């Protein structure tokens, strides 16, 4: 009967391998996922900012052209 019974240390080792390790890896992967999402949101904010700057630059260019045409006309 000693061949089939597990002592306390073997049981804890098996429990750690089958429960704690996958749980720890899932928490680690969730943290990486949250970090990637935060990075993507930050990049998206910079893209929106760049689009606003380009739009304002185009508007200024149009206004300058209108001013030049008004001075000539």
Protein backbone atom coordinates (compact mmCIF):
# COMPACT_ATOMS: atom_id res chain seq x y z
CA UNK A 1 0.00 0.00 0.00
CA UNK A 2 2.99 2.31 0.32
CA UNK A 3 3.45 2.36 -3.46
CA UNK A 4 0.04 3.94 -4.10
CA UNK A 5 -0.17 6.34 -1.18
CA UNK A 6 1.25 9.84 -1.41
CA UNK A 7 2.95 11.59 1.44
CA UNK A 8 2.33 15.26 2.17
CA UNK A 9 5.41 16.60 0.35
CA UNK A 10 4.64 14.68 -2.84
CA UNK A 11 1.04 15.89 -2.76
CA UNK A 12 2.14 19.52 -2.33
CA UNK A 13 4.61 19.18 -5.20
CA UNK A 14 1.94 17.73 -7.50
CA UNK A 15 -0.53 20.39 -6.39
CA UNK A 16 1.97 23.16 -7.07
CA UNK A 17 2.77 21.75 -10.50
CA UNK A 18 -0.86 21.25 -11.54
CA UNK A 19 -2.54 24.29 -9.95
CA UNK A 20 -0.11 26.98 -8.88
CA UNK A 21 2.07 26.95 -11.99
CA UNK A 22 -0.79 27.36 -14.51
CA UNK A 23 -2.43 29.96 -12.26
CA UNK A 24 0.80 31.93 -12.01
CA UNK A 25 1.36 31.78 -15.75
CA UNK A 26 -2.20 32.95 -16.42
CA UNK A 27 -1.75 35.92 -14.07
CA UNK A 28 1.54 36.77 -15.79
CA UNK A 29 -0.02 36.57 -19.24
CA UNK A 30 -2.96 38.72 -18.09
CA UNK A 31 -0.50 41.37 -16.86
CA UNK A 32 1.32 41.31 -20.20
CA UNK A 33 -2.02 41.62 -22.02
CA UNK A 34 -3.00 44.66 -19.92
CA UNK A 35 0.41 46.26 -20.58
CA UNK A 36 0.01 45.74 -24.33
CA UNK A 37 -3.48 47.26 -24.28
CA UNK A 38 -2.18 50.29 -22.33
CA UNK A 39 0.63 50.71 -24.86
CA UNK A 40 -1.80 50.53 -27.79
CA UNK A 41 -4.09 53.14 -26.20
CA UNK A 42 -1.09 55.44 -25.75
CA UNK A 43 -0.07 54.97 -29.39
CA UNK A 44 -3.65 55.62 -30.50
CA UNK A 45 -3.65 58.92 -28.59
CA UNK A 46 -0.47 59.97 -30.39
CA UNK A 47 -2.01 59.05 -33.76
CA UNK A 48 -5.06 61.19 -33.00
CA UNK A 49 -2.79 64.06 -31.95
CA UNK A 50 -0.80 63.77 -35.17
CA UNK A 51 -3.98 63.85 -37.23
CA UNK A 52 -5.11 67.01 -35.42
CA UNK A 53 -1.75 68.70 -36.05
CA UNK A 54 -1.82 67.76 -39.75
CA UNK A 55 -5.40 69.07 -40.05
CA UNK A 56 -4.47 72.38 -38.42
CA UNK A 57 -1.39 72.70 -40.64
CA UNK A 58 -3.55 72.17 -43.72
CA UNK A 59 -6.00 74.79 -42.46
CA UNK A 60 -3.18 77.29 -41.89
CA UNK A 61 -1.84 76.57 -45.39
CA UNK A 62 -5.30 77.25 -46.86
CA UNK A 63 -5.64 80.50 -44.89
CA UNK A 64 -2.18 81.66 -46.03
CA UNK A 65 -3.11 80.93 -49.64
CA UNK A 66 -6.35 82.89 -49.21
CA UNK A 67 -4.44 85.81 -47.71
CA UNK A 68 -1.97 85.82 -50.62
CA UNK A 69 -4.81 85.72 -53.13
CA UNK A 70 -6.56 88.57 -51.30
CA UNK A 71 -3.42 90.70 -51.38
CA UNK A 72 -3.00 90.16 -55.13
CA UNK A 73 -6.66 90.64 -55.98
